[in-house]
Protein backbone atom coordinates (compact mmCIF):
# COMPACT_ATOMS: atom_id res chain seq x y z
CA UNK A 1 0.00 0.00 0.00
CA UNK A 2 1.30 3.49 -0.86
CA UNK A 3 1.83 6.28 1.61
CA UNK A 4 1.06 9.91 0.73
CA UNK A 5 1.96 12.90 2.85
CA UNK A 6 -0.08 16.10 2.55
CA UNK A 7 -0.12 19.36 4.47
CA UNK A 8 -3.46 20.79 5.56
CA UNK A 9 -4.41 23.74 7.74
CA UNK A 10 -4.50 23.02 11.47
CA UNK A 11 -8.16 24.02 11.77
CA UNK A 12 -9.11 21.51 9.07
CA UNK A 13 -7.12 18.74 10.78
CA UNK A 14 -8.85 19.49 14.08
CA UNK A 15 -12.30 19.56 12.47
CA UNK A 16 -11.58 16.26 10.69
CA UNK A 17 -10.43 14.61 13.93
CA UNK A 18 -13.54 15.84 15.71
CA UNK A 19 -15.94 14.80 12.94
CA UNK A 20 -14.45 11.32 12.50
CA UNK A 21 -13.73 10.16 16.03
CA UNK A 22 -13.61 6.38 16.36
CA UNK A 23 -13.59 5.96 12.56
CA UNK A 24 -10.86 4.54 10.34
CA UNK A 25 -9.53 7.84 9.02
CA UNK A 26 -7.37 6.13 6.39
CA UNK A 27 -10.55 4.60 4.93
CA UNK A 28 -12.32 7.98 4.96
CA UNK A 29 -9.45 9.68 3.13
CA UNK A 30 -9.14 6.80 0.64
CA UNK A 31 -12.88 7.04 -0.11
CA UNK A 32 -12.65 10.82 -0.62
CA UNK A 33 -9.66 10.38 -2.93
CA UNK A 34 -11.47 7.66 -4.89
CA UNK A 35 -14.48 9.96 -5.40
CA UNK A 36 -12.23 12.85 -6.43
CA UNK A 37 -10.49 10.68 -9.02
CA UNK A 38 -13.84 9.46 -10.41
CA UNK A 39 -15.11 13.03 -10.70
CA UNK A 40 -11.90 14.16 -12.42
CA UNK A 41 -12.09 11.30 -14.91
CA UNK A 42 -15.76 12.00 -15.70
CA UNK A 43 -15.15 15.72 -16.12
CA UNK A 44 -16.65 18.77 -14.45
CA UNK A 45 -19.95 18.84 -16.33
CA UNK A 46 -20.87 15.18 -16.19
CA UNK A 47 -22.79 15.35 -12.91
CA UNK A 48 -25.56 12.89 -12.31
CA UNK A 49 -28.96 14.65 -12.23
CA UNK A 50 -30.53 12.00 -10.04
CA UNK A 51 -27.72 12.15 -7.49
CA UNK A 52 -27.80 15.94 -7.51
CA UNK A 53 -31.58 15.88 -6.99
CA UNK A 54 -31.22 13.51 -4.05
CA UNK A 55 -28.67 15.81 -2.41
CA UNK A 56 -30.98 18.81 -2.84
CA UNK A 57 -33.91 16.86 -1.43
CA UNK A 58 -31.82 15.64 1.51
CA UNK A 59 -30.90 19.23 2.35
CA UNK A 60 -34.57 19.83 3.15
CA UNK A 61 -34.79 23.17 1.38
CA UNK A 62 -37.48 23.98 -1.16
CA UNK A 63 -36.30 24.09 -4.75
CA UNK A 64 -37.99 26.24 -7.37
CA UNK A 65 -38.94 25.03 -10.82
CA UNK A 66 -36.39 27.47 -12.21
CA UNK A 67 -33.57 25.88 -10.16
CA UNK A 68 -34.57 22.46 -11.45
CA UNK A 69 -34.68 23.70 -15.06
CA UNK A 70 -31.27 25.34 -14.64
CA UNK A 71 -29.75 22.16 -13.17
CA UNK A 72 -31.12 20.07 -16.03
CA UNK A 73 -29.79 22.52 -18.61
CA UNK A 74 -26.32 22.59 -17.01
CA UNK A 75 -26.13 18.81 -17.18
CA UNK A 76 -27.17 18.81 -20.86
CA UNK A 77 -24.50 21.32 -21.87
PDB file of N, CA and C in Angstrom:
ATOM      1  N   UNK A   1       0.848  -1.169   0.000  1.00  0.00           N
ATOM      2  CA  UNK A   1       0.000   0.000   0.000  1.00  0.00           C
ATOM      3  C   UNK A   1       0.898   1.239   0.000  1.00  0.00           C
ATOM      4  N   UNK A   2       0.510   2.255  -0.758  1.00  0.00           N
ATOM      5  CA  UNK A   2       1.299   3.486  -0.858  1.00  0.00           C
ATOM      6  C   UNK A   2       1.021   4.414   0.316  1.00  0.00           C
ATOM      7  N   UNK A   3       1.975   5.289   0.558  1.00  0.00           N
ATOM      8  CA  UNK A   3       1.825   6.285   1.615  1.00  0.00           C
ATOM      9  C   UNK A   3       1.979   7.657   0.973  1.00  0.00           C
ATOM     10  N   UNK A   4       1.027   8.556   1.263  1.00  0.00           N
ATOM     11  CA  UNK A   4       1.056   9.910   0.734  1.00  0.00           C
ATOM     12  C   UNK A   4       1.066  10.874   1.904  1.00  0.00           C
ATOM     13  N   UNK A   5       1.885  11.894   1.806  1.00  0.00           N
ATOM     14  CA  UNK A   5       1.958  12.903   2.849  1.00  0.00           C
ATOM     15  C   UNK A   5       1.434  14.223   2.297  1.00  0.00           C
ATOM     16  N   UNK A   6       0.477  14.813   2.983  1.00  0.00           N
ATOM     17  CA  UNK A   6      -0.077  16.099   2.553  1.00  0.00           C
ATOM     18  C   UNK A   6      -0.089  17.059   3.738  1.00  0.00           C
ATOM     19  N   UNK A   7      -0.029  18.335   3.434  1.00  0.00           N
ATOM     20  CA  UNK A   7      -0.120  19.358   4.468  1.00  0.00           C
ATOM     21  C   UNK A   7      -1.483  20.021   4.370  1.00  0.00           C
ATOM     22  N   UNK A   8      -2.153  20.135   5.512  1.00  0.00           N
ATOM     23  CA  UNK A   8      -3.458  20.786   5.557  1.00  0.00           C
ATOM     24  C   UNK A   8      -3.466  21.779   6.707  1.00  0.00           C
ATOM     25  N   UNK A   9      -4.341  22.771   6.655  1.00  0.00           N
ATOM     26  CA  UNK A   9      -4.409  23.741   7.744  1.00  0.00           C
ATOM     27  C   UNK A   9      -4.775  23.059   9.076  1.00  0.00           C
ATOM     28  N   UNK A  10      -4.244  23.600  10.151  1.00  0.00           N
ATOM     29  CA  UNK A  10      -4.500  23.023  11.474  1.00  0.00           C
ATOM     30  C   UNK A  10      -5.982  22.957  11.805  1.00  0.00           C
ATOM     31  N   UNK A  11      -6.730  24.008  11.445  1.00  0.00           N
ATOM     32  CA  UNK A  11      -8.158  24.018  11.772  1.00  0.00           C
ATOM     33  C   UNK A  11      -8.908  22.905  11.042  1.00  0.00           C
ATOM     34  N   UNK A  12      -8.487  22.604   9.817  1.00  0.00           N
ATOM     35  CA  UNK A  12      -9.113  21.514   9.073  1.00  0.00           C
ATOM     36  C   UNK A  12      -8.776  20.170   9.709  1.00  0.00           C
ATOM     37  N   UNK A  13      -7.531  19.989  10.128  1.00  0.00           N
ATOM     38  CA  UNK A  13      -7.120  18.742  10.781  1.00  0.00           C
ATOM     39  C   UNK A  13      -7.911  18.529  12.066  1.00  0.00           C
ATOM     40  N   UNK A  14      -8.091  19.588  12.834  1.00  0.00           N
ATOM     41  CA  UNK A  14      -8.855  19.487  14.085  1.00  0.00           C
ATOM     42  C   UNK A  14     -10.318  19.160  13.809  1.00  0.00           C
ATOM     43  N   UNK A  15     -10.902  19.817  12.817  1.00  0.00           N
ATOM     44  CA  UNK A  15     -12.299  19.557  12.472  1.00  0.00           C
ATOM     45  C   UNK A  15     -12.478  18.116  11.992  1.00  0.00           C
ATOM     46  N   UNK A  16     -11.524  17.637  11.191  1.00  0.00           N
ATOM     47  CA  UNK A  16     -11.576  16.257  10.692  1.00  0.00           C
ATOM     48  C   UNK A  16     -11.510  15.272  11.854  1.00  0.00           C
ATOM     49  N   UNK A  17     -10.570  15.490  12.748  1.00  0.00           N
ATOM     50  CA  UNK A  17     -10.433  14.609  13.927  1.00  0.00           C
ATOM     51  C   UNK A  17     -11.719  14.582  14.734  1.00  0.00           C
ATOM     52  N   UNK A  18     -12.315  15.745  14.926  1.00  0.00           N
ATOM     53  CA  UNK A  18     -13.542  15.840  15.709  1.00  0.00           C
ATOM     54  C   UNK A  18     -14.715  15.148  15.008  1.00  0.00           C
ATOM     55  N   UNK A  19     -14.826  15.355  13.704  1.00  0.00           N
ATOM     56  CA  UNK A  19     -15.945  14.796  12.941  1.00  0.00           C
ATOM     57  C   UNK A  19     -15.854  13.284  12.785  1.00  0.00           C
ATOM     58  N   UNK A  20     -14.624  12.741  12.779  1.00  0.00           N
ATOM     59  CA  UNK A  20     -14.448  11.315  12.500  1.00  0.00           C
ATOM     60  C   UNK A  20     -13.808  10.568  13.662  1.00  0.00           C
ATOM     61  N   UNK A  21     -14.223  10.900  14.869  1.00  0.00           N
ATOM     62  CA  UNK A  21     -13.726  10.161  16.029  1.00  0.00           C
ATOM     63  C   UNK A  21     -14.169   8.698  15.916  1.00  0.00           C
ATOM     64  N   UNK A  22     -13.320   7.820  16.340  1.00  0.00           N
ATOM     65  CA  UNK A  22     -13.606   6.376  16.360  1.00  0.00           C
ATOM     66  C   UNK A  22     -13.931   5.808  14.974  1.00  0.00           C
ATOM     67  N   UNK A  23     -13.382   6.430  13.930  1.00  0.00           N
ATOM     68  CA  UNK A  23     -13.586   5.958  12.562  1.00  0.00           C
ATOM     69  C   UNK A  23     -12.211   5.757  11.931  1.00  0.00           C
ATOM     70  N   UNK A  24     -12.106   4.783  11.043  1.00  0.00           N
ATOM     71  CA  UNK A  24     -10.856   4.537  10.342  1.00  0.00           C
ATOM     72  C   UNK A  24     -10.599   5.696   9.377  1.00  0.00           C
ATOM     73  N   UNK A  25      -9.775   6.627   9.803  1.00  0.00           N
ATOM     74  CA  UNK A  25      -9.532   7.839   9.023  1.00  0.00           C
ATOM     75  C   UNK A  25      -8.839   7.540   7.699  1.00  0.00           C
ATOM     76  N   UNK A  26      -8.005   6.524   7.656  1.00  0.00           N
ATOM     77  CA  UNK A  26      -7.375   6.131   6.393  1.00  0.00           C
ATOM     78  C   UNK A  26      -8.440   5.740   5.371  1.00  0.00           C
ATOM     79  N   UNK A  27      -9.469   5.019   5.823  1.00  0.00           N
ATOM     80  CA  UNK A  27     -10.549   4.600   4.927  1.00  0.00           C
ATOM     81  C   UNK A  27     -11.354   5.809   4.457  1.00  0.00           C
ATOM     82  N   UNK A  28     -11.585   6.774   5.335  1.00  0.00           N
ATOM     83  CA  UNK A  28     -12.319   7.984   4.959  1.00  0.00           C
ATOM     84  C   UNK A  28     -11.555   8.745   3.879  1.00  0.00           C
ATOM     85  N   UNK A  29     -10.271   8.955   4.103  1.00  0.00           N
ATOM     86  CA  UNK A  29      -9.449   9.676   3.134  1.00  0.00           C
ATOM     87  C   UNK A  29      -9.373   8.916   1.806  1.00  0.00           C
ATOM     88  N   UNK A  30      -9.206   7.606   1.867  1.00  0.00           N
ATOM     89  CA  UNK A  30      -9.141   6.799   0.639  1.00  0.00           C
ATOM     90  C   UNK A  30     -10.447   6.925  -0.139  1.00  0.00           C
ATOM     91  N   UNK A  31     -11.584   6.910   0.558  1.00  0.00           N
ATOM     92  CA  UNK A  31     -12.879   7.042  -0.110  1.00  0.00           C
ATOM     93  C   UNK A  31     -13.015   8.422  -0.759  1.00  0.00           C
ATOM     94  N   UNK A  32     -12.603   9.475  -0.053  1.00  0.00           N
ATOM     95  CA  UNK A  32     -12.654  10.822  -0.621  1.00  0.00           C
ATOM     96  C   UNK A  32     -11.765  10.938  -1.856  1.00  0.00           C
ATOM     97  N   UNK A  33     -10.574  10.348  -1.785  1.00  0.00           N
ATOM     98  CA  UNK A  33      -9.665  10.385  -2.927  1.00  0.00           C
ATOM     99  C   UNK A  33     -10.249   9.622  -4.114  1.00  0.00           C
ATOM    100  N   UNK A  34     -10.855   8.462  -3.832  1.00  0.00           N
ATOM    101  CA  UNK A  34     -11.469   7.659  -4.893  1.00  0.00           C
ATOM    102  C   UNK A  34     -12.556   8.466  -5.604  1.00  0.00           C
ATOM    103  N   UNK A  35     -13.405   9.144  -4.817  1.00  0.00           N
ATOM    104  CA  UNK A  35     -14.477   9.955  -5.401  1.00  0.00           C
ATOM    105  C   UNK A  35     -13.904  11.117  -6.212  1.00  0.00           C
ATOM    106  N   UNK A  36     -12.851  11.740  -5.716  1.00  0.00           N
ATOM    107  CA  UNK A  36     -12.233  12.853  -6.433  1.00  0.00           C
ATOM    108  C   UNK A  36     -11.663  12.385  -7.768  1.00  0.00           C
ATOM    109  N   UNK A  37     -11.046  11.218  -7.782  1.00  0.00           N
ATOM    110  CA  UNK A  37     -10.495  10.675  -9.024  1.00  0.00           C
ATOM    111  C   UNK A  37     -11.628  10.374 -10.006  1.00  0.00           C
ATOM    112  N   UNK A  38     -12.707   9.764  -9.527  1.00  0.00           N
ATOM    113  CA  UNK A  38     -13.838   9.460 -10.406  1.00  0.00           C
ATOM    114  C   UNK A  38     -14.420  10.734 -11.014  1.00  0.00           C
ATOM    115  N   UNK A  39     -14.581  11.773 -10.199  1.00  0.00           N
ATOM    116  CA  UNK A  39     -15.111  13.031 -10.700  1.00  0.00           C
ATOM    117  C   UNK A  39     -14.174  13.646 -11.734  1.00  0.00           C
ATOM    118  N   UNK A  40     -12.890  13.585 -11.486  1.00  0.00           N
ATOM    119  CA  UNK A  40     -11.905  14.165 -12.418  1.00  0.00           C
ATOM    120  C   UNK A  40     -11.943  13.421 -13.745  1.00  0.00           C
ATOM    121  N   UNK A  41     -12.062  12.103 -13.691  1.00  0.00           N
ATOM    122  CA  UNK A  41     -12.087  11.299 -14.914  1.00  0.00           C
ATOM    123  C   UNK A  41     -13.358  11.583 -15.710  1.00  0.00           C
ATOM    124  N   UNK A  42     -14.487  11.733 -15.019  1.00  0.00           N
ATOM    125  CA  UNK A  42     -15.758  12.001 -15.697  1.00  0.00           C
ATOM    126  C   UNK A  42     -15.806  13.396 -16.284  1.00  0.00           C
ATOM    127  N   UNK A  43     -15.132  14.340 -15.652  1.00  0.00           N
ATOM    128  CA  UNK A  43     -15.151  15.719 -16.116  1.00  0.00           C
ATOM    129  C   UNK A  43     -16.082  16.559 -15.265  1.00  0.00           C
ATOM    130  N   UNK A  44     -15.908  17.875 -15.326  1.00  0.00           N
ATOM    131  CA  UNK A  44     -16.646  18.766 -14.445  1.00  0.00           C
ATOM    132  C   UNK A  44     -18.130  18.877 -14.738  1.00  0.00           C
ATOM    133  N   UNK A  45     -18.552  18.643 -15.960  1.00  0.00           N
ATOM    134  CA  UNK A  45     -19.954  18.844 -16.325  1.00  0.00           C
ATOM    135  C   UNK A  45     -20.755  17.546 -16.397  1.00  0.00           C
ATOM    136  N   UNK A  46     -20.175  16.450 -15.997  1.00  0.00           N
ATOM    137  CA  UNK A  46     -20.866  15.178 -16.186  1.00  0.00           C
ATOM    138  C   UNK A  46     -21.595  14.736 -14.927  1.00  0.00           C
ATOM    139  N   UNK A  47     -22.075  15.679 -14.138  1.00  0.00           N
ATOM    140  CA  UNK A  47     -22.791  15.354 -12.907  1.00  0.00           C
ATOM    141  C   UNK A  47     -24.018  14.514 -13.173  1.00  0.00           C
ATOM    142  N   UNK A  48     -24.413  13.758 -12.205  1.00  0.00           N
ATOM    143  CA  UNK A  48     -25.562  12.891 -12.309  1.00  0.00           C
ATOM    144  C   UNK A  48     -26.783  13.634 -11.780  1.00  0.00           C
ATOM    145  N   UNK A  49     -27.777  13.882 -12.626  1.00  0.00           N
ATOM    146  CA  UNK A  49     -28.956  14.650 -12.227  1.00  0.00           C
ATOM    147  C   UNK A  49     -29.678  13.999 -11.069  1.00  0.00           C
ATOM    148  N   UNK A  50     -29.820  12.692 -11.111  1.00  0.00           N
ATOM    149  CA  UNK A  50     -30.532  11.996 -10.044  1.00  0.00           C
ATOM    150  C   UNK A  50     -29.805  12.177  -8.716  1.00  0.00           C
ATOM    151  N   UNK A  51     -28.499  11.998  -8.725  1.00  0.00           N
ATOM    152  CA  UNK A  51     -27.721  12.153  -7.492  1.00  0.00           C
ATOM    153  C   UNK A  51     -27.806  13.588  -6.981  1.00  0.00           C
ATOM    154  N   UNK A  52     -27.703  14.538  -7.893  1.00  0.00           N
ATOM    155  CA  UNK A  52     -27.804  15.945  -7.512  1.00  0.00           C
ATOM    156  C   UNK A  52     -29.175  16.244  -6.911  1.00  0.00           C
ATOM    157  N   UNK A  53     -30.219  15.692  -7.501  1.00  0.00           N
ATOM    158  CA  UNK A  53     -31.580  15.885  -6.994  1.00  0.00           C
ATOM    159  C   UNK A  53     -31.730  15.294  -5.594  1.00  0.00           C
ATOM    160  N   UNK A  54     -31.146  14.133  -5.384  1.00  0.00           N
ATOM    161  CA  UNK A  54     -31.218  13.509  -4.052  1.00  0.00           C
ATOM    162  C   UNK A  54     -30.529  14.368  -2.997  1.00  0.00           C
ATOM    163  N   UNK A  55     -29.372  14.951  -3.361  1.00  0.00           N
ATOM    164  CA  UNK A  55     -28.665  15.815  -2.407  1.00  0.00           C
ATOM    165  C   UNK A  55     -29.497  17.038  -2.065  1.00  0.00           C
ATOM    166  N   UNK A  56     -30.135  17.638  -3.076  1.00  0.00           N
ATOM    167  CA  UNK A  56     -30.978  18.805  -2.836  1.00  0.00           C
ATOM    168  C   UNK A  56     -32.145  18.427  -1.928  1.00  0.00           C
ATOM    169  N   UNK A  57     -32.776  17.299  -2.233  1.00  0.00           N
ATOM    170  CA  UNK A  57     -33.914  16.859  -1.428  1.00  0.00           C
ATOM    171  C   UNK A  57     -33.486  16.571   0.006  1.00  0.00           C
ATOM    172  N   UNK A  58     -32.312  15.964   0.174  1.00  0.00           N
ATOM    173  CA  UNK A  58     -31.825  15.641   1.513  1.00  0.00           C
ATOM    174  C   UNK A  58     -31.518  16.898   2.319  1.00  0.00           C
ATOM    175  N   UNK A  59     -31.203  17.999   1.630  1.00  0.00           N
ATOM    176  CA  UNK A  59     -30.902  19.233   2.352  1.00  0.00           C
ATOM    177  C   UNK A  59     -32.152  19.802   3.008  1.00  0.00           C
ATOM    178  N   UNK A  60     -33.331  19.396   2.527  1.00  0.00           N
ATOM    179  CA  UNK A  60     -34.575  19.826   3.151  1.00  0.00           C
ATOM    180  C   UNK A  60     -35.066  21.192   2.699  1.00  0.00           C
ATOM    181  N   UNK A  61     -34.330  21.848   1.813  1.00  0.00           N
ATOM    182  CA  UNK A  61     -34.787  23.168   1.382  1.00  0.00           C
ATOM    183  C   UNK A  61     -35.668  23.037   0.145  1.00  0.00           C
ATOM    184  N   UNK A  62     -36.590  23.978   0.007  1.00  0.00           N
ATOM    185  CA  UNK A  62     -37.475  23.978  -1.158  1.00  0.00           C
ATOM    186  C   UNK A  62     -36.674  24.402  -2.389  1.00  0.00           C
ATOM    187  N   UNK A  63     -36.993  23.788  -3.502  1.00  0.00           N
ATOM    188  CA  UNK A  63     -36.298  24.091  -4.754  1.00  0.00           C
ATOM    189  C   UNK A  63     -37.337  24.566  -5.763  1.00  0.00           C
ATOM    190  N   UNK A  64     -37.040  25.689  -6.392  1.00  0.00           N
ATOM    191  CA  UNK A  64     -37.985  26.242  -7.366  1.00  0.00           C
ATOM    192  C   UNK A  64     -37.897  25.482  -8.688  1.00  0.00           C
ATOM    193  N   UNK A  65     -38.946  25.633  -9.481  1.00  0.00           N
ATOM    194  CA  UNK A  65     -38.944  25.028 -10.818  1.00  0.00           C
ATOM    195  C   UNK A  65     -37.781  25.567 -11.644  1.00  0.00           C
ATOM    196  N   UNK A  66     -37.488  26.858 -11.471  1.00  0.00           N
ATOM    197  CA  UNK A  66     -36.387  27.471 -12.212  1.00  0.00           C
ATOM    198  C   UNK A  66     -35.048  26.828 -11.854  1.00  0.00           C
ATOM    199  N   UNK A  67     -34.820  26.539 -10.572  1.00  0.00           N
ATOM    200  CA  UNK A  67     -33.569  25.883 -10.160  1.00  0.00           C
ATOM    201  C   UNK A  67     -33.458  24.499 -10.786  1.00  0.00           C
ATOM    202  N   UNK A  68     -34.569  23.792 -10.854  1.00  0.00           N
ATOM    203  CA  UNK A  68     -34.570  22.458 -11.450  1.00  0.00           C
ATOM    204  C   UNK A  68     -34.283  22.560 -12.951  1.00  0.00           C
ATOM    205  N   UNK A  69     -34.937  23.511 -13.622  1.00  0.00           N
ATOM    206  CA  UNK A  69     -34.684  23.699 -15.055  1.00  0.00           C
ATOM    207  C   UNK A  69     -33.221  24.043 -15.316  1.00  0.00           C
ATOM    208  N   UNK A  70     -32.655  24.923 -14.470  1.00  0.00           N
ATOM    209  CA  UNK A  70     -31.274  25.343 -14.636  1.00  0.00           C
ATOM    210  C   UNK A  70     -30.336  24.148 -14.447  1.00  0.00           C
ATOM    211  N   UNK A  71     -30.597  23.334 -13.431  1.00  0.00           N
ATOM    212  CA  UNK A  71     -29.747  22.165 -13.165  1.00  0.00           C
ATOM    213  C   UNK A  71     -29.803  21.191 -14.349  1.00  0.00           C
ATOM    214  N   UNK A  72     -30.988  20.972 -14.880  1.00  0.00           N
ATOM    215  CA  UNK A  72     -31.117  20.071 -16.035  1.00  0.00           C
ATOM    216  C   UNK A  72     -30.332  20.604 -17.233  1.00  0.00           C
ATOM    217  N   UNK A  73     -30.469  21.912 -17.469  1.00  0.00           N
ATOM    218  CA  UNK A  73     -29.786  22.519 -18.612  1.00  0.00           C
ATOM    219  C   UNK A  73     -28.271  22.427 -18.459  1.00  0.00           C
ATOM    220  N   UNK A  74     -27.758  22.673 -17.249  1.00  0.00           N
ATOM    221  CA  UNK A  74     -26.319  22.586 -17.007  1.00  0.00           C
ATOM    222  C   UNK A  74     -25.793  21.186 -17.313  1.00  0.00           C
ATOM    223  N   UNK A  75     -26.572  20.182 -16.954  1.00  0.00           N
ATOM    224  CA  UNK A  75     -26.132  18.809 -17.185  1.00  0.00           C
ATOM    225  C   UNK A  75     -26.223  18.417 -18.658  1.00  0.00           C
ATOM    226  N   UNK A  76     -27.057  19.088 -19.417  1.00  0.00           N
ATOM    227  CA  UNK A  76     -27.170  18.807 -20.857  1.00  0.00           C
ATOM    228  C   UNK A  76     -26.029  19.441 -21.634  1.00  0.00           C
ATOM    229  N   UNK A  77     -25.564  20.584 -21.170  1.00  0.00           N
ATOM    230  CA  UNK A  77     -24.498  21.316 -21.875  1.00  0.00           C
ATOM    231  C   UNK A  77     -23.187  20.604 -21.847  1.00  0.00           C
TER     232      UNK A  77
END
